[in-house]
Amino acid sequence: MNDERKDGAMINPEGAREYLTFTLGDEEYGIDILKVQEIRGFDAVTRIANAPAFIKGVINMRGVIVPILDMRLKFNLGQVDYNEFTVVIILNVAGRVVGIVVDGVSDVIALKREQIRPAPEFGALMDTAYIDGLTTLDDRMVIMVDIEKLINSGEMGLVDQVGSDMA
């Protein structure tokens, strides 16, 4: 049985939090499962003129206009063609519904805080504020992402603008 902490995170009796892991290229990332609203296949989006490249467009999901962000472009991993394995993770971020395009969803994992190591410091070379830490599962490294820090307030303003332009 799972319990809910004051910060909203789900913890199981062993004190572990649950994360959804997904892939982008050869890398694996993890996000707090409580931010995930649903997982769906990639459908065509309505493009928005003058939107940044990583904002692919919007979809109408049961009457809600949902901006769709491509994480490959956000992380500068290059564009790839979407296929039957391309997935959109619908998230609730800071009270807003946003979709992120990823190459695939891997698993749901439970981690204790001590299993997540701090991210290395890269100084001004690279913005790592959105990286919660790193963990190793079997022989693979998983980058733990704070999705609210990743989709920063300035970008959320763009996302809000895209959504309101379509409403």
N, C-alpha and C. Protein backbone atom coordinates (compact mmCIF):
# COMPACT_ATOMS: atom_id res chain seq x y z
N MET A 1 0.83 -1.18 0.00
CA MET A 1 0.00 0.00 0.00
C MET A 1 0.88 1.25 0.00
N ASN A 2 0.49 2.23 -0.80
CA ASN A 2 1.24 3.48 -0.88
C ASN A 2 0.61 4.54 -0.01
N ASP A 3 1.42 5.42 0.52
CA ASP A 3 0.96 6.57 1.29
C ASP A 3 1.37 7.82 0.55
N GLU A 4 0.69 8.93 0.87
CA GLU A 4 1.05 10.20 0.25
C GLU A 4 1.71 11.09 1.28
N ARG A 5 2.85 11.68 0.89
CA ARG A 5 3.54 12.61 1.78
C ARG A 5 2.94 14.00 1.64
N LYS A 6 3.37 14.91 2.54
CA LYS A 6 2.88 16.28 2.49
C LYS A 6 3.18 16.95 1.16
N ASP A 7 4.32 16.61 0.53
CA ASP A 7 4.66 17.26 -0.75
C ASP A 7 3.94 16.60 -1.92
N GLY A 8 3.07 15.62 -1.65
CA GLY A 8 2.28 15.00 -2.69
C GLY A 8 2.91 13.77 -3.32
N ALA A 9 4.17 13.51 -3.06
CA ALA A 9 4.86 12.38 -3.68
C ALA A 9 4.35 11.07 -3.08
N MET A 10 4.19 10.10 -3.95
CA MET A 10 3.78 8.78 -3.48
C MET A 10 4.99 8.05 -2.93
N ILE A 11 4.82 7.48 -1.76
CA ILE A 11 5.89 6.67 -1.19
C ILE A 11 5.31 5.32 -0.80
N ASN A 12 6.08 4.29 -0.99
CA ASN A 12 5.62 2.98 -0.57
C ASN A 12 6.15 2.74 0.84
N PRO A 13 5.77 1.64 1.46
CA PRO A 13 6.18 1.41 2.85
C PRO A 13 7.69 1.44 3.07
N GLU A 14 8.47 1.17 2.04
CA GLU A 14 9.93 1.20 2.18
C GLU A 14 10.49 2.61 2.05
N GLY A 15 9.64 3.61 1.86
CA GLY A 15 10.10 4.99 1.75
C GLY A 15 10.57 5.38 0.36
N ALA A 16 10.23 4.61 -0.65
CA ALA A 16 10.66 4.91 -2.02
C ALA A 16 9.60 5.73 -2.75
N ARG A 17 10.06 6.58 -3.66
CA ARG A 17 9.17 7.35 -4.53
C ARG A 17 9.13 6.66 -5.88
N GLU A 18 8.02 6.84 -6.60
CA GLU A 18 7.88 6.20 -7.89
C GLU A 18 8.14 7.19 -9.02
N TYR A 19 8.83 6.69 -10.06
CA TYR A 19 9.19 7.50 -11.21
C TYR A 19 8.86 6.75 -12.49
N LEU A 20 8.41 7.48 -13.50
CA LEU A 20 8.22 6.93 -14.83
C LEU A 20 9.51 7.18 -15.60
N THR A 21 10.05 6.14 -16.23
CA THR A 21 11.27 6.32 -17.02
C THR A 21 10.92 6.29 -18.50
N PHE A 22 11.65 7.11 -19.27
CA PHE A 22 11.43 7.17 -20.71
C PHE A 22 12.77 7.35 -21.40
N THR A 23 12.78 7.07 -22.70
CA THR A 23 14.03 7.16 -23.46
C THR A 23 13.97 8.30 -24.48
N LEU A 24 15.13 8.88 -24.69
CA LEU A 24 15.39 9.84 -25.77
C LEU A 24 16.72 9.42 -26.35
N GLY A 25 16.70 8.87 -27.55
CA GLY A 25 17.94 8.34 -28.12
C GLY A 25 18.46 7.21 -27.26
N ASP A 26 19.73 7.28 -26.89
CA ASP A 26 20.35 6.23 -26.08
C ASP A 26 20.25 6.51 -24.59
N GLU A 27 19.66 7.64 -24.21
CA GLU A 27 19.60 8.02 -22.80
C GLU A 27 18.25 7.69 -22.19
N GLU A 28 18.27 7.45 -20.88
CA GLU A 28 17.04 7.16 -20.15
C GLU A 28 16.85 8.23 -19.08
N TYR A 29 15.61 8.69 -18.94
CA TYR A 29 15.26 9.75 -18.01
C TYR A 29 14.14 9.28 -17.11
N GLY A 30 14.04 9.89 -15.93
CA GLY A 30 12.96 9.57 -14.99
C GLY A 30 12.28 10.83 -14.52
N ILE A 31 10.94 10.77 -14.39
CA ILE A 31 10.16 11.89 -13.85
C ILE A 31 9.20 11.36 -12.79
N ASP A 32 8.85 12.23 -11.86
CA ASP A 32 7.93 11.88 -10.78
C ASP A 32 6.62 11.37 -11.37
N ILE A 33 6.22 10.18 -10.99
CA ILE A 33 5.01 9.56 -11.53
C ILE A 33 3.76 10.39 -11.24
N LEU A 34 3.78 11.17 -10.17
CA LEU A 34 2.60 11.96 -9.82
C LEU A 34 2.36 13.12 -10.77
N LYS A 35 3.35 13.47 -11.58
CA LYS A 35 3.16 14.52 -12.59
C LYS A 35 2.49 13.97 -13.84
N VAL A 36 2.46 12.64 -13.98
CA VAL A 36 1.95 11.99 -15.19
C VAL A 36 0.44 11.84 -15.10
N GLN A 37 -0.23 12.37 -16.12
CA GLN A 37 -1.69 12.25 -16.20
C GLN A 37 -2.07 11.05 -17.06
N GLU A 38 -1.41 10.90 -18.21
CA GLU A 38 -1.65 9.73 -19.07
C GLU A 38 -0.52 9.59 -20.07
N ILE A 39 -0.48 8.43 -20.71
CA ILE A 39 0.51 8.13 -21.74
C ILE A 39 -0.27 7.74 -22.98
N ARG A 40 0.09 8.32 -24.12
CA ARG A 40 -0.64 8.03 -25.35
C ARG A 40 0.31 8.02 -26.53
N GLY A 41 -0.12 7.43 -27.62
CA GLY A 41 0.67 7.45 -28.84
C GLY A 41 0.67 8.85 -29.43
N PHE A 42 1.63 9.11 -30.31
CA PHE A 42 1.72 10.43 -30.93
C PHE A 42 0.66 10.55 -32.01
N ASP A 43 -0.14 11.61 -31.92
CA ASP A 43 -1.12 11.95 -32.95
C ASP A 43 -0.69 13.25 -33.60
N ALA A 44 -1.27 13.53 -34.75
CA ALA A 44 -0.96 14.79 -35.43
C ALA A 44 -1.30 15.96 -34.52
N VAL A 45 -0.50 17.00 -34.61
CA VAL A 45 -0.71 18.20 -33.81
C VAL A 45 -1.05 19.36 -34.74
N THR A 46 -1.71 20.36 -34.19
CA THR A 46 -1.95 21.60 -34.92
C THR A 46 -0.76 22.50 -34.66
N ARG A 47 -0.03 22.84 -35.72
CA ARG A 47 1.18 23.67 -35.57
C ARG A 47 0.79 25.10 -35.24
N ILE A 48 1.66 25.78 -34.54
CA ILE A 48 1.46 27.17 -34.15
C ILE A 48 2.54 28.02 -34.82
N ALA A 49 2.13 29.04 -35.55
CA ALA A 49 3.09 29.91 -36.23
C ALA A 49 3.97 30.62 -35.22
N ASN A 50 5.25 30.75 -35.55
CA ASN A 50 6.24 31.47 -34.75
C ASN A 50 6.52 30.87 -33.38
N ALA A 51 6.07 29.66 -33.12
CA ALA A 51 6.39 29.00 -31.85
C ALA A 51 7.83 28.48 -31.93
N PRO A 52 8.53 28.40 -30.79
CA PRO A 52 9.87 27.81 -30.81
C PRO A 52 9.82 26.38 -31.36
N ALA A 53 10.92 25.93 -31.93
CA ALA A 53 10.95 24.62 -32.59
C ALA A 53 10.53 23.48 -31.66
N PHE A 54 10.86 23.56 -30.37
CA PHE A 54 10.54 22.45 -29.47
C PHE A 54 9.05 22.39 -29.12
N ILE A 55 8.29 23.46 -29.39
CA ILE A 55 6.83 23.40 -29.22
C ILE A 55 6.25 22.91 -30.54
N LYS A 56 5.87 21.64 -30.58
CA LYS A 56 5.43 21.02 -31.83
C LYS A 56 4.06 21.51 -32.26
N GLY A 57 3.25 21.95 -31.30
CA GLY A 57 1.89 22.39 -31.60
C GLY A 57 0.98 22.05 -30.44
N VAL A 58 -0.30 21.89 -30.75
CA VAL A 58 -1.28 21.58 -29.71
C VAL A 58 -2.19 20.45 -30.18
N ILE A 59 -2.79 19.77 -29.20
CA ILE A 59 -3.84 18.80 -29.49
C ILE A 59 -5.05 19.16 -28.65
N ASN A 60 -6.21 18.71 -29.09
CA ASN A 60 -7.43 18.87 -28.32
C ASN A 60 -7.69 17.53 -27.64
N MET A 61 -7.52 17.50 -26.33
CA MET A 61 -7.68 16.27 -25.57
C MET A 61 -8.93 16.39 -24.70
N ARG A 62 -10.01 15.81 -25.17
CA ARG A 62 -11.28 15.85 -24.44
C ARG A 62 -11.67 17.28 -24.05
N GLY A 63 -11.53 18.19 -25.02
CA GLY A 63 -11.93 19.58 -24.81
C GLY A 63 -10.87 20.47 -24.19
N VAL A 64 -9.71 19.92 -23.84
CA VAL A 64 -8.62 20.70 -23.26
C VAL A 64 -7.54 20.87 -24.32
N ILE A 65 -7.13 22.11 -24.57
CA ILE A 65 -6.04 22.37 -25.52
C ILE A 65 -4.72 22.10 -24.81
N VAL A 66 -3.96 21.14 -25.33
CA VAL A 66 -2.72 20.69 -24.68
C VAL A 66 -1.52 21.00 -25.58
N PRO A 67 -0.62 21.89 -25.14
CA PRO A 67 0.61 22.12 -25.89
C PRO A 67 1.49 20.87 -25.86
N ILE A 68 2.13 20.57 -26.98
CA ILE A 68 3.00 19.39 -27.09
C ILE A 68 4.43 19.86 -27.32
N LEU A 69 5.34 19.44 -26.41
CA LEU A 69 6.74 19.82 -26.47
C LEU A 69 7.58 18.61 -26.85
N ASP A 70 8.51 18.78 -27.77
CA ASP A 70 9.40 17.70 -28.19
C ASP A 70 10.67 17.74 -27.34
N MET A 71 10.85 16.74 -26.49
CA MET A 71 12.00 16.72 -25.58
C MET A 71 13.33 16.53 -26.31
N ARG A 72 13.31 15.88 -27.49
CA ARG A 72 14.56 15.75 -28.25
C ARG A 72 15.07 17.13 -28.65
N LEU A 73 14.16 17.99 -29.10
CA LEU A 73 14.55 19.34 -29.49
C LEU A 73 14.90 20.18 -28.27
N LYS A 74 14.17 19.99 -27.18
CA LYS A 74 14.46 20.73 -25.95
C LYS A 74 15.87 20.41 -25.45
N PHE A 75 16.29 19.14 -25.57
CA PHE A 75 17.61 18.71 -25.11
C PHE A 75 18.67 18.78 -26.22
N ASN A 76 18.33 19.37 -27.36
CA ASN A 76 19.26 19.49 -28.49
C ASN A 76 19.80 18.13 -28.94
N LEU A 77 18.92 17.13 -29.00
CA LEU A 77 19.32 15.79 -29.43
C LEU A 77 19.03 15.55 -30.91
N GLY A 78 18.50 16.55 -31.59
CA GLY A 78 18.20 16.42 -33.01
C GLY A 78 16.81 15.89 -33.26
N GLN A 79 16.31 16.19 -34.44
CA GLN A 79 14.97 15.78 -34.86
C GLN A 79 15.01 14.34 -35.36
N VAL A 80 13.98 13.58 -35.05
CA VAL A 80 13.81 12.25 -35.64
C VAL A 80 12.38 12.15 -36.15
N ASP A 81 12.18 11.23 -37.07
CA ASP A 81 10.83 10.99 -37.56
C ASP A 81 10.05 10.26 -36.48
N TYR A 82 8.82 10.67 -36.29
CA TYR A 82 7.97 9.99 -35.32
C TYR A 82 7.49 8.69 -35.95
N ASN A 83 7.38 7.65 -35.11
CA ASN A 83 6.91 6.36 -35.61
C ASN A 83 5.89 5.78 -34.63
N GLU A 84 5.55 4.51 -34.82
CA GLU A 84 4.52 3.89 -33.97
C GLU A 84 4.97 3.73 -32.51
N PHE A 85 6.27 3.88 -32.24
CA PHE A 85 6.77 3.77 -30.87
C PHE A 85 6.87 5.13 -30.17
N THR A 86 6.73 6.21 -30.93
CA THR A 86 6.81 7.55 -30.35
C THR A 86 5.63 7.75 -29.40
N VAL A 87 5.94 8.30 -28.24
CA VAL A 87 4.94 8.40 -27.17
C VAL A 87 4.83 9.86 -26.71
N VAL A 88 3.62 10.24 -26.31
CA VAL A 88 3.39 11.53 -25.67
C VAL A 88 2.99 11.25 -24.23
N ILE A 89 3.75 11.84 -23.31
CA ILE A 89 3.41 11.74 -21.89
C ILE A 89 2.68 13.03 -21.53
N ILE A 90 1.43 12.89 -21.11
CA ILE A 90 0.63 14.05 -20.70
C ILE A 90 0.91 14.29 -19.22
N LEU A 91 1.35 15.51 -18.92
CA LEU A 91 1.78 15.87 -17.57
C LEU A 91 0.92 16.99 -17.01
N ASN A 92 0.85 17.04 -15.69
CA ASN A 92 0.28 18.18 -15.01
C ASN A 92 1.45 18.91 -14.37
N VAL A 93 1.83 20.05 -14.95
CA VAL A 93 3.00 20.81 -14.51
C VAL A 93 2.53 22.17 -14.02
N ALA A 94 2.71 22.42 -12.74
CA ALA A 94 2.34 23.71 -12.14
C ALA A 94 0.90 24.07 -12.47
N GLY A 95 0.01 23.09 -12.40
CA GLY A 95 -1.41 23.33 -12.64
C GLY A 95 -1.80 23.42 -14.10
N ARG A 96 -0.86 23.16 -15.01
CA ARG A 96 -1.14 23.21 -16.44
C ARG A 96 -0.97 21.82 -17.03
N VAL A 97 -1.74 21.53 -18.06
CA VAL A 97 -1.61 20.25 -18.76
C VAL A 97 -0.71 20.47 -19.97
N VAL A 98 0.35 19.66 -20.06
CA VAL A 98 1.35 19.77 -21.12
C VAL A 98 1.71 18.36 -21.56
N GLY A 99 1.95 18.18 -22.85
CA GLY A 99 2.41 16.89 -23.35
C GLY A 99 3.87 16.98 -23.77
N ILE A 100 4.63 15.92 -23.49
CA ILE A 100 6.02 15.86 -23.95
C ILE A 100 6.18 14.64 -24.86
N VAL A 101 6.85 14.85 -25.99
CA VAL A 101 7.12 13.77 -26.94
C VAL A 101 8.44 13.12 -26.56
N VAL A 102 8.41 11.79 -26.39
CA VAL A 102 9.61 11.02 -26.07
C VAL A 102 9.69 9.83 -27.02
N ASP A 103 10.86 9.22 -27.09
CA ASP A 103 11.03 8.08 -27.99
C ASP A 103 10.27 6.85 -27.52
N GLY A 104 10.17 6.67 -26.21
CA GLY A 104 9.46 5.52 -25.67
C GLY A 104 9.43 5.58 -24.16
N VAL A 105 8.46 4.90 -23.57
CA VAL A 105 8.35 4.79 -22.12
C VAL A 105 8.95 3.46 -21.71
N SER A 106 9.79 3.47 -20.68
CA SER A 106 10.50 2.26 -20.27
C SER A 106 9.79 1.51 -19.16
N ASP A 107 9.57 2.18 -18.02
CA ASP A 107 9.19 1.45 -16.82
C ASP A 107 8.71 2.42 -15.75
N VAL A 108 8.13 1.89 -14.70
CA VAL A 108 7.89 2.64 -13.47
C VAL A 108 8.83 2.04 -12.43
N ILE A 109 9.64 2.90 -11.82
CA ILE A 109 10.62 2.43 -10.84
C ILE A 109 10.37 3.09 -9.50
N ALA A 110 10.74 2.40 -8.44
CA ALA A 110 10.65 2.96 -7.08
C ALA A 110 12.07 3.17 -6.58
N LEU A 111 12.36 4.39 -6.14
CA LEU A 111 13.70 4.72 -5.66
C LEU A 111 13.62 5.41 -4.31
N LYS A 112 14.53 5.05 -3.45
CA LYS A 112 14.70 5.80 -2.20
C LYS A 112 15.60 6.99 -2.50
N ARG A 113 15.46 8.05 -1.73
CA ARG A 113 16.23 9.27 -1.97
C ARG A 113 17.74 8.99 -2.01
N GLU A 114 18.22 8.08 -1.16
CA GLU A 114 19.66 7.80 -1.13
C GLU A 114 20.15 7.06 -2.38
N GLN A 115 19.23 6.53 -3.20
CA GLN A 115 19.63 5.88 -4.44
C GLN A 115 19.88 6.88 -5.56
N ILE A 116 19.50 8.14 -5.35
CA ILE A 116 19.67 9.18 -6.36
C ILE A 116 20.88 10.02 -5.97
N ARG A 117 21.89 10.01 -6.84
CA ARG A 117 23.11 10.77 -6.58
C ARG A 117 22.99 12.17 -7.18
N PRO A 118 23.64 13.15 -6.57
CA PRO A 118 23.58 14.51 -7.12
C PRO A 118 24.17 14.58 -8.53
N ALA A 119 23.62 15.48 -9.33
CA ALA A 119 24.15 15.69 -10.68
C ALA A 119 25.49 16.40 -10.59
N PRO A 120 26.41 16.10 -11.49
CA PRO A 120 27.69 16.81 -11.47
C PRO A 120 27.50 18.27 -11.84
N GLU A 121 28.38 19.12 -11.34
CA GLU A 121 28.34 20.55 -11.65
C GLU A 121 29.10 20.80 -12.95
N PHE A 122 28.46 21.51 -13.86
CA PHE A 122 29.11 21.88 -15.11
C PHE A 122 29.36 23.38 -15.20
N GLY A 123 29.04 24.10 -14.14
CA GLY A 123 29.23 25.55 -14.13
C GLY A 123 28.37 26.22 -15.17
N ALA A 124 28.91 27.25 -15.79
CA ALA A 124 28.16 28.02 -16.78
C ALA A 124 28.07 27.31 -18.13
N LEU A 125 28.81 26.22 -18.30
CA LEU A 125 28.80 25.51 -19.57
C LEU A 125 27.45 24.91 -19.91
N MET A 126 26.71 24.52 -18.90
CA MET A 126 25.49 23.77 -19.14
C MET A 126 24.49 24.02 -18.02
N ASP A 127 23.23 24.22 -18.39
CA ASP A 127 22.18 24.41 -17.40
C ASP A 127 21.72 23.03 -16.92
N THR A 128 22.02 22.71 -15.67
CA THR A 128 21.61 21.42 -15.11
C THR A 128 20.63 21.58 -13.96
N ALA A 129 20.03 22.77 -13.84
CA ALA A 129 19.12 23.04 -12.72
C ALA A 129 17.94 22.07 -12.71
N TYR A 130 17.55 21.56 -13.87
CA TYR A 130 16.41 20.66 -13.98
C TYR A 130 16.77 19.21 -13.64
N ILE A 131 18.04 18.90 -13.45
CA ILE A 131 18.45 17.52 -13.14
C ILE A 131 18.42 17.33 -11.63
N ASP A 132 17.51 16.44 -11.17
CA ASP A 132 17.40 16.12 -9.75
C ASP A 132 18.57 15.26 -9.29
N GLY A 133 19.10 14.46 -10.20
CA GLY A 133 20.19 13.58 -9.85
C GLY A 133 20.30 12.44 -10.85
N LEU A 134 21.14 11.48 -10.53
CA LEU A 134 21.38 10.32 -11.39
C LEU A 134 21.26 9.07 -10.55
N THR A 135 20.76 8.02 -11.18
CA THR A 135 20.70 6.73 -10.49
C THR A 135 21.13 5.64 -11.46
N THR A 136 21.58 4.54 -10.92
CA THR A 136 21.99 3.41 -11.74
C THR A 136 21.04 2.25 -11.46
N LEU A 137 20.47 1.71 -12.53
CA LEU A 137 19.60 0.53 -12.44
C LEU A 137 20.22 -0.56 -13.29
N ASP A 138 20.56 -1.66 -12.67
CA ASP A 138 21.27 -2.73 -13.36
C ASP A 138 22.52 -2.13 -14.01
N ASP A 139 22.58 -2.14 -15.34
CA ASP A 139 23.76 -1.60 -16.02
C ASP A 139 23.47 -0.28 -16.73
N ARG A 140 22.35 0.36 -16.40
CA ARG A 140 22.00 1.59 -17.10
C ARG A 140 21.91 2.78 -16.15
N MET A 141 22.26 3.95 -16.67
CA MET A 141 22.20 5.20 -15.92
C MET A 141 20.89 5.89 -16.28
N VAL A 142 20.18 6.40 -15.26
CA VAL A 142 18.93 7.12 -15.47
C VAL A 142 19.11 8.54 -14.94
N ILE A 143 18.78 9.52 -15.77
CA ILE A 143 18.86 10.93 -15.40
C ILE A 143 17.50 11.33 -14.83
N MET A 144 17.48 11.72 -13.56
CA MET A 144 16.24 12.09 -12.89
C MET A 144 15.96 13.57 -13.15
N VAL A 145 14.79 13.86 -13.72
CA VAL A 145 14.46 15.20 -14.18
C VAL A 145 13.34 15.80 -13.32
N ASP A 146 13.54 17.04 -12.89
CA ASP A 146 12.48 17.82 -12.25
C ASP A 146 11.76 18.55 -13.38
N ILE A 147 10.62 18.01 -13.80
CA ILE A 147 9.94 18.51 -14.99
C ILE A 147 9.50 19.96 -14.84
N GLU A 148 9.18 20.38 -13.62
CA GLU A 148 8.77 21.78 -13.42
C GLU A 148 9.94 22.73 -13.60
N LYS A 149 11.14 22.32 -13.23
CA LYS A 149 12.32 23.17 -13.48
C LYS A 149 12.72 23.13 -14.95
N LEU A 150 12.51 21.98 -15.59
CA LEU A 150 12.86 21.85 -17.00
C LEU A 150 12.00 22.78 -17.85
N ILE A 151 10.72 22.72 -17.61
CA ILE A 151 9.80 23.60 -18.34
C ILE A 151 9.68 24.86 -17.49
N ASN A 152 10.66 25.73 -17.64
CA ASN A 152 10.77 26.89 -16.75
C ASN A 152 9.65 27.89 -16.98
N SER A 153 9.58 28.86 -16.11
CA SER A 153 8.45 29.80 -16.12
C SER A 153 8.36 30.58 -17.43
N GLY A 154 9.49 30.95 -18.01
CA GLY A 154 9.45 31.67 -19.28
C GLY A 154 8.84 30.82 -20.38
N GLU A 155 9.22 29.53 -20.40
CA GLU A 155 8.66 28.63 -21.40
C GLU A 155 7.20 28.35 -21.11
N MET A 156 6.83 28.27 -19.84
CA MET A 156 5.42 28.06 -19.52
C MET A 156 4.59 29.24 -20.01
N GLY A 157 5.17 30.44 -20.00
CA GLY A 157 4.48 31.60 -20.56
C GLY A 157 4.21 31.39 -22.04
N LEU A 158 5.20 30.85 -22.77
CA LEU A 158 5.01 30.53 -24.19
C LEU A 158 3.94 29.47 -24.36
N VAL A 159 3.99 28.45 -23.50
CA VAL A 159 3.01 27.37 -23.56
C VAL A 159 1.61 27.92 -23.31
N ASP A 160 1.48 28.79 -22.30
CA ASP A 160 0.18 29.42 -22.02
C ASP A 160 -0.30 30.22 -23.21
N GLN A 161 0.62 30.96 -23.84
CA GLN A 161 0.25 31.79 -24.99
C GLN A 161 -0.21 30.91 -26.14
N VAL A 162 0.50 29.81 -26.39
CA VAL A 162 0.11 28.89 -27.46
C VAL A 162 -1.28 28.33 -27.18
N GLY A 163 -1.51 27.91 -25.93
CA GLY A 163 -2.82 27.36 -25.56
C GLY A 163 -3.93 28.38 -25.70
N SER A 164 -3.69 29.63 -25.29
CA SER A 164 -4.74 30.65 -25.35
C SER A 164 -4.99 31.09 -26.79
N ASP A 165 -3.95 31.05 -27.64
CA ASP A 165 -4.14 31.39 -29.05
C ASP A 165 -5.08 30.41 -29.74
N MET A 166 -5.10 29.16 -29.25
CA MET A 166 -5.92 28.13 -29.87
C MET A 166 -7.31 28.04 -29.26
N ALA A 167 -7.50 28.60 -28.07
CA ALA A 167 -8.79 28.46 -27.38
C ALA A 167 -9.87 29.27 -28.05
